[in-house]
Amino acid sequence: MPYISNKDDRRLRLRNGETALTAGELNYQLFYYVKHTPKYMIEKEWIEDYIKSFLGEKPNYQRYNDMTGALIRCYKEIKRRLKRNIKILLNVMESYDDEIAKYEDLKCSENGDVE
């Protein structure tokens, strides 16, 4: 679990919805949101908003990889530390499978497949 220093106001800005710049910051946003929201009130749309903001208008391989890594690691850390099984994080991750596959196919056609 990445930790964002509280020596400046970065934690506050992330909690208030500022775009995460790294996978660690995205993980922090997701963990904070889940930790401070009752399970029955967690909304997929909030999680998707964080992710869409993080991915930006032109996602690339690194962003997709960072996003899926942040979601799975956050899910596991919430399960370990908070004893909460928040499968919505996994569901959101899997909802990107088709988008990521299309991106992979495009890059494969542009750059050639793995030999």
N, C-alpha and C. Protein backbone atom coordinates (compact mmCIF):
# COMPACT_ATOMS: atom_id res chain seq x y z
N MET A 1 0.85 -1.18 0.00
CA MET A 1 0.00 0.00 0.00
C MET A 1 0.89 1.23 0.00
N PRO A 2 0.79 2.04 -1.03
CA PRO A 2 1.60 3.27 -1.06
C PRO A 2 1.06 4.29 -0.07
N TYR A 3 1.94 5.05 0.45
CA TYR A 3 1.52 6.08 1.39
C TYR A 3 1.91 7.44 0.84
N ILE A 4 0.96 8.34 0.87
CA ILE A 4 1.17 9.69 0.38
C ILE A 4 1.55 10.53 1.60
N SER A 5 2.67 11.21 1.49
CA SER A 5 3.13 12.03 2.60
C SER A 5 2.08 13.07 2.98
N ASN A 6 1.95 13.32 4.27
CA ASN A 6 1.04 14.37 4.68
C ASN A 6 1.80 15.64 5.07
N LYS A 7 2.99 15.78 4.52
CA LYS A 7 3.78 16.97 4.78
C LYS A 7 3.26 18.17 3.99
N ASP A 8 2.51 17.91 2.93
CA ASP A 8 1.89 19.00 2.18
C ASP A 8 0.39 18.70 2.11
N ASP A 9 -0.29 19.32 1.19
CA ASP A 9 -1.74 19.13 1.12
C ASP A 9 -2.17 18.11 0.06
N ARG A 10 -1.24 17.26 -0.38
CA ARG A 10 -1.56 16.31 -1.45
C ARG A 10 -2.67 15.33 -1.04
N ARG A 11 -2.64 14.82 0.17
CA ARG A 11 -3.69 13.91 0.63
C ARG A 11 -5.05 14.59 0.55
N LEU A 12 -5.12 15.80 1.04
CA LEU A 12 -6.37 16.54 1.02
C LEU A 12 -6.86 16.75 -0.41
N ARG A 13 -5.96 17.11 -1.30
CA ARG A 13 -6.34 17.34 -2.70
C ARG A 13 -6.85 16.04 -3.34
N LEU A 14 -6.21 14.93 -3.05
CA LEU A 14 -6.67 13.64 -3.60
C LEU A 14 -8.04 13.28 -3.03
N ARG A 15 -8.23 13.50 -1.75
CA ARG A 15 -9.53 13.20 -1.13
C ARG A 15 -10.63 14.08 -1.71
N ASN A 16 -10.26 15.26 -2.15
CA ASN A 16 -11.24 16.18 -2.73
C ASN A 16 -11.40 16.00 -4.24
N GLY A 17 -10.81 14.94 -4.78
CA GLY A 17 -11.06 14.59 -6.17
C GLY A 17 -10.04 15.06 -7.19
N GLU A 18 -8.93 15.63 -6.74
CA GLU A 18 -7.90 16.00 -7.71
C GLU A 18 -7.39 14.74 -8.39
N THR A 19 -7.04 14.85 -9.64
CA THR A 19 -6.59 13.70 -10.42
C THR A 19 -5.33 13.08 -9.82
N ALA A 20 -5.38 11.77 -9.64
CA ALA A 20 -4.20 11.01 -9.21
C ALA A 20 -3.19 11.01 -10.35
N LEU A 21 -1.94 11.26 -10.02
CA LEU A 21 -0.89 11.30 -11.04
C LEU A 21 -0.14 9.99 -11.16
N THR A 22 -0.20 9.17 -10.11
CA THR A 22 0.51 7.89 -10.10
C THR A 22 -0.43 6.78 -9.65
N ALA A 23 0.01 5.55 -9.85
CA ALA A 23 -0.77 4.40 -9.37
C ALA A 23 -0.91 4.46 -7.85
N GLY A 24 0.12 4.89 -7.17
CA GLY A 24 0.07 5.02 -5.72
C GLY A 24 -0.98 6.02 -5.27
N GLU A 25 -1.07 7.13 -5.97
CA GLU A 25 -2.09 8.12 -5.63
C GLU A 25 -3.50 7.59 -5.92
N LEU A 26 -3.66 6.87 -7.02
CA LEU A 26 -4.96 6.27 -7.32
C LEU A 26 -5.34 5.26 -6.24
N ASN A 27 -4.39 4.45 -5.83
CA ASN A 27 -4.62 3.48 -4.77
C ASN A 27 -5.06 4.20 -3.49
N TYR A 28 -4.38 5.29 -3.16
CA TYR A 28 -4.73 6.07 -1.98
C TYR A 28 -6.17 6.57 -2.08
N GLN A 29 -6.54 7.15 -3.23
CA GLN A 29 -7.90 7.65 -3.40
C GLN A 29 -8.94 6.56 -3.20
N LEU A 30 -8.71 5.42 -3.84
CA LEU A 30 -9.66 4.31 -3.75
C LEU A 30 -9.77 3.79 -2.32
N PHE A 31 -8.61 3.59 -1.68
CA PHE A 31 -8.60 3.07 -0.31
C PHE A 31 -9.31 4.05 0.63
N TYR A 32 -9.00 5.32 0.51
CA TYR A 32 -9.62 6.32 1.37
C TYR A 32 -11.14 6.32 1.18
N TYR A 33 -11.57 6.31 -0.09
CA TYR A 33 -13.00 6.32 -0.39
C TYR A 33 -13.70 5.11 0.25
N VAL A 34 -13.14 3.92 0.05
CA VAL A 34 -13.76 2.71 0.60
C VAL A 34 -13.72 2.73 2.13
N LYS A 35 -12.60 3.13 2.69
CA LYS A 35 -12.46 3.14 4.15
C LYS A 35 -13.48 4.04 4.82
N HIS A 36 -13.81 5.14 4.18
CA HIS A 36 -14.67 6.13 4.80
C HIS A 36 -16.11 6.12 4.27
N THR A 37 -16.45 5.07 3.53
CA THR A 37 -17.81 4.95 3.00
C THR A 37 -18.39 3.62 3.46
N PRO A 38 -19.58 3.63 4.04
CA PRO A 38 -20.20 2.36 4.41
C PRO A 38 -20.37 1.48 3.16
N LYS A 39 -20.17 0.18 3.35
CA LYS A 39 -20.18 -0.75 2.21
C LYS A 39 -21.42 -0.60 1.34
N TYR A 40 -22.57 -0.43 1.96
CA TYR A 40 -23.82 -0.35 1.21
C TYR A 40 -23.96 0.97 0.45
N MET A 41 -23.06 1.93 0.70
CA MET A 41 -23.13 3.22 0.02
C MET A 41 -22.04 3.42 -1.03
N ILE A 42 -21.15 2.44 -1.17
CA ILE A 42 -20.08 2.56 -2.16
C ILE A 42 -20.69 2.53 -3.55
N GLU A 43 -20.35 3.53 -4.33
CA GLU A 43 -20.92 3.66 -5.67
C GLU A 43 -19.85 3.42 -6.74
N LYS A 44 -20.22 2.56 -7.67
CA LYS A 44 -19.33 2.25 -8.79
C LYS A 44 -18.94 3.52 -9.54
N GLU A 45 -19.87 4.45 -9.65
CA GLU A 45 -19.62 5.68 -10.40
C GLU A 45 -18.48 6.49 -9.79
N TRP A 46 -18.39 6.54 -8.46
CA TRP A 46 -17.29 7.27 -7.82
C TRP A 46 -15.95 6.64 -8.17
N ILE A 47 -15.90 5.33 -8.10
CA ILE A 47 -14.67 4.61 -8.42
C ILE A 47 -14.31 4.84 -9.88
N GLU A 48 -15.29 4.75 -10.76
CA GLU A 48 -15.04 4.97 -12.18
C GLU A 48 -14.59 6.39 -12.46
N ASP A 49 -15.12 7.36 -11.73
CA ASP A 49 -14.68 8.75 -11.92
C ASP A 49 -13.20 8.91 -11.58
N TYR A 50 -12.76 8.32 -10.46
CA TYR A 50 -11.34 8.36 -10.13
C TYR A 50 -10.50 7.75 -11.24
N ILE A 51 -10.96 6.62 -11.75
CA ILE A 51 -10.20 5.90 -12.78
C ILE A 51 -10.17 6.66 -14.09
N LYS A 52 -11.32 7.15 -14.52
CA LYS A 52 -11.36 7.91 -15.79
C LYS A 52 -10.46 9.13 -15.72
N SER A 53 -10.47 9.80 -14.60
CA SER A 53 -9.61 10.96 -14.42
C SER A 53 -8.14 10.54 -14.50
N PHE A 54 -7.80 9.43 -13.85
CA PHE A 54 -6.42 8.93 -13.86
C PHE A 54 -5.99 8.52 -15.27
N LEU A 55 -6.86 7.82 -15.99
CA LEU A 55 -6.51 7.34 -17.33
C LEU A 55 -6.34 8.48 -18.31
N GLY A 56 -7.11 9.54 -18.16
CA GLY A 56 -7.03 10.68 -19.06
C GLY A 56 -7.72 10.40 -20.39
N GLU A 57 -7.59 11.34 -21.30
CA GLU A 57 -8.27 11.25 -22.59
C GLU A 57 -7.65 10.22 -23.52
N LYS A 58 -6.34 10.00 -23.41
CA LYS A 58 -5.66 9.04 -24.28
C LYS A 58 -4.87 8.07 -23.43
N PRO A 59 -5.56 7.07 -22.86
CA PRO A 59 -4.85 6.10 -22.03
C PRO A 59 -3.78 5.36 -22.84
N ASN A 60 -2.74 4.97 -22.16
CA ASN A 60 -1.69 4.18 -22.80
C ASN A 60 -1.48 2.90 -21.97
N TYR A 61 -0.56 2.06 -22.42
CA TYR A 61 -0.33 0.79 -21.74
C TYR A 61 0.01 1.01 -20.27
N GLN A 62 0.89 1.95 -19.99
CA GLN A 62 1.32 2.18 -18.61
C GLN A 62 0.15 2.57 -17.73
N ARG A 63 -0.70 3.45 -18.23
CA ARG A 63 -1.86 3.89 -17.44
C ARG A 63 -2.82 2.73 -17.18
N TYR A 64 -3.10 1.93 -18.21
CA TYR A 64 -3.97 0.78 -18.01
C TYR A 64 -3.36 -0.19 -16.99
N ASN A 65 -2.08 -0.43 -17.13
CA ASN A 65 -1.40 -1.35 -16.22
C ASN A 65 -1.40 -0.81 -14.79
N ASP A 66 -1.12 0.47 -14.64
CA ASP A 66 -1.13 1.09 -13.32
C ASP A 66 -2.53 1.05 -12.70
N MET A 67 -3.55 1.30 -13.52
CA MET A 67 -4.92 1.30 -13.02
C MET A 67 -5.33 -0.09 -12.54
N THR A 68 -5.05 -1.12 -13.33
CA THR A 68 -5.44 -2.47 -12.92
C THR A 68 -4.65 -2.90 -11.69
N GLY A 69 -3.38 -2.53 -11.63
CA GLY A 69 -2.57 -2.85 -10.46
C GLY A 69 -3.08 -2.15 -9.21
N ALA A 70 -3.46 -0.88 -9.34
CA ALA A 70 -3.98 -0.14 -8.18
C ALA A 70 -5.28 -0.76 -7.69
N LEU A 71 -6.15 -1.15 -8.60
CA LEU A 71 -7.43 -1.75 -8.21
C LEU A 71 -7.23 -3.08 -7.48
N ILE A 72 -6.40 -3.95 -8.01
CA ILE A 72 -6.22 -5.27 -7.38
C ILE A 72 -5.49 -5.14 -6.05
N ARG A 73 -4.46 -4.30 -5.99
CA ARG A 73 -3.73 -4.15 -4.74
C ARG A 73 -4.60 -3.47 -3.68
N CYS A 74 -5.39 -2.50 -4.09
CA CYS A 74 -6.28 -1.83 -3.15
C CYS A 74 -7.31 -2.82 -2.62
N TYR A 75 -7.88 -3.63 -3.50
CA TYR A 75 -8.85 -4.65 -3.09
C TYR A 75 -8.22 -5.57 -2.03
N LYS A 76 -7.02 -6.05 -2.30
CA LYS A 76 -6.37 -6.98 -1.39
C LYS A 76 -6.02 -6.32 -0.05
N GLU A 77 -5.59 -5.08 -0.09
CA GLU A 77 -5.22 -4.39 1.14
C GLU A 77 -6.45 -4.06 1.98
N ILE A 78 -7.54 -3.72 1.34
CA ILE A 78 -8.80 -3.49 2.07
C ILE A 78 -9.26 -4.78 2.72
N LYS A 79 -9.16 -5.86 1.99
CA LYS A 79 -9.56 -7.16 2.54
C LYS A 79 -8.68 -7.54 3.73
N ARG A 80 -7.38 -7.29 3.61
CA ARG A 80 -6.44 -7.65 4.67
C ARG A 80 -6.60 -6.76 5.90
N ARG A 81 -6.62 -5.46 5.69
CA ARG A 81 -6.60 -4.52 6.82
C ARG A 81 -7.97 -4.18 7.38
N LEU A 82 -8.95 -4.06 6.50
CA LEU A 82 -10.28 -3.64 6.95
C LEU A 82 -11.26 -4.81 7.05
N LYS A 83 -10.79 -5.98 6.60
CA LYS A 83 -11.64 -7.18 6.63
C LYS A 83 -12.95 -6.95 5.87
N ARG A 84 -12.85 -6.24 4.76
CA ARG A 84 -14.00 -5.96 3.91
C ARG A 84 -13.73 -6.53 2.52
N ASN A 85 -14.72 -7.20 1.97
CA ASN A 85 -14.59 -7.80 0.65
C ASN A 85 -15.32 -6.91 -0.36
N ILE A 86 -14.61 -5.97 -0.93
CA ILE A 86 -15.19 -4.97 -1.81
C ILE A 86 -14.97 -5.39 -3.26
N LYS A 87 -15.77 -6.35 -3.70
CA LYS A 87 -15.60 -6.91 -5.04
C LYS A 87 -15.89 -5.92 -6.15
N ILE A 88 -16.53 -4.81 -5.82
CA ILE A 88 -16.80 -3.81 -6.84
C ILE A 88 -15.50 -3.32 -7.48
N LEU A 89 -14.41 -3.31 -6.70
CA LEU A 89 -13.11 -2.90 -7.27
C LEU A 89 -12.68 -3.87 -8.36
N LEU A 90 -12.87 -5.15 -8.14
CA LEU A 90 -12.53 -6.16 -9.15
C LEU A 90 -13.47 -6.07 -10.34
N ASN A 91 -14.76 -5.81 -10.07
CA ASN A 91 -15.72 -5.69 -11.15
C ASN A 91 -15.40 -4.50 -12.05
N VAL A 92 -15.01 -3.40 -11.44
CA VAL A 92 -14.63 -2.22 -12.23
C VAL A 92 -13.39 -2.55 -13.06
N MET A 93 -12.42 -3.21 -12.46
CA MET A 93 -11.21 -3.59 -13.20
C MET A 93 -11.58 -4.45 -14.41
N GLU A 94 -12.43 -5.44 -14.20
CA GLU A 94 -12.82 -6.33 -15.30
C GLU A 94 -13.65 -5.63 -16.35
N SER A 95 -14.34 -4.57 -15.98
CA SER A 95 -15.14 -3.83 -16.96
C SER A 95 -14.27 -3.15 -18.01
N TYR A 96 -12.98 -3.03 -17.74
CA TYR A 96 -12.05 -2.43 -18.69
C TYR A 96 -11.40 -3.46 -19.62
N ASP A 97 -11.71 -4.73 -19.44
CA ASP A 97 -11.08 -5.78 -20.24
C ASP A 97 -11.24 -5.55 -21.74
N ASP A 98 -12.45 -5.23 -22.20
CA ASP A 98 -12.67 -5.02 -23.63
C ASP A 98 -11.92 -3.80 -24.15
N GLU A 99 -11.95 -2.72 -23.37
CA GLU A 99 -11.25 -1.50 -23.77
C GLU A 99 -9.74 -1.75 -23.87
N ILE A 100 -9.21 -2.45 -22.91
CA ILE A 100 -7.77 -2.75 -22.92
C ILE A 100 -7.44 -3.70 -24.07
N ALA A 101 -8.30 -4.67 -24.33
CA ALA A 101 -8.07 -5.61 -25.44
C ALA A 101 -8.05 -4.87 -26.77
N LYS A 102 -8.96 -3.92 -26.96
CA LYS A 102 -8.98 -3.13 -28.20
C LYS A 102 -7.69 -2.31 -28.33
N TYR A 103 -7.24 -1.75 -27.23
CA TYR A 103 -5.98 -0.99 -27.24
C TYR A 103 -4.82 -1.91 -27.61
N GLU A 104 -4.78 -3.10 -27.00
CA GLU A 104 -3.72 -4.06 -27.30
C GLU A 104 -3.75 -4.47 -28.78
N ASP A 105 -4.94 -4.72 -29.31
CA ASP A 105 -5.06 -5.10 -30.73
C ASP A 105 -4.58 -3.98 -31.63
N LEU A 106 -4.94 -2.75 -31.31
CA LEU A 106 -4.51 -1.60 -32.10
C LEU A 106 -2.99 -1.50 -32.10
N LYS A 107 -2.38 -1.60 -30.94
CA LYS A 107 -0.92 -1.47 -30.85
C LYS A 107 -0.22 -2.65 -31.53
N CYS A 108 -0.83 -3.81 -31.46
CA CYS A 108 -0.27 -4.98 -32.14
C CYS A 108 -0.27 -4.76 -33.65
N SER A 109 -1.38 -4.20 -34.17
CA SER A 109 -1.45 -3.95 -35.62
C SER A 109 -0.50 -2.82 -36.03
N GLU A 110 -0.33 -1.83 -35.17
CA GLU A 110 0.56 -0.71 -35.48
C GLU A 110 2.03 -1.10 -35.39
N ASN A 111 2.37 -1.92 -34.40
CA ASN A 111 3.79 -2.18 -34.11
C ASN A 111 4.23 -3.60 -34.38
N GLY A 112 3.29 -4.48 -34.72
CA GLY A 112 3.63 -5.89 -34.93
C GLY A 112 3.48 -6.66 -33.65
N ASP A 113 3.20 -7.96 -33.80
CA ASP A 113 3.00 -8.83 -32.65
C ASP A 113 4.33 -9.26 -32.05
N VAL A 114 4.26 -9.85 -30.91
CA VAL A 114 5.44 -10.43 -30.27
C VAL A 114 5.92 -11.58 -31.16
N GLU A 115 7.22 -11.63 -31.43
CA GLU A 115 7.75 -12.69 -32.29
C GLU A 115 7.78 -14.00 -31.55
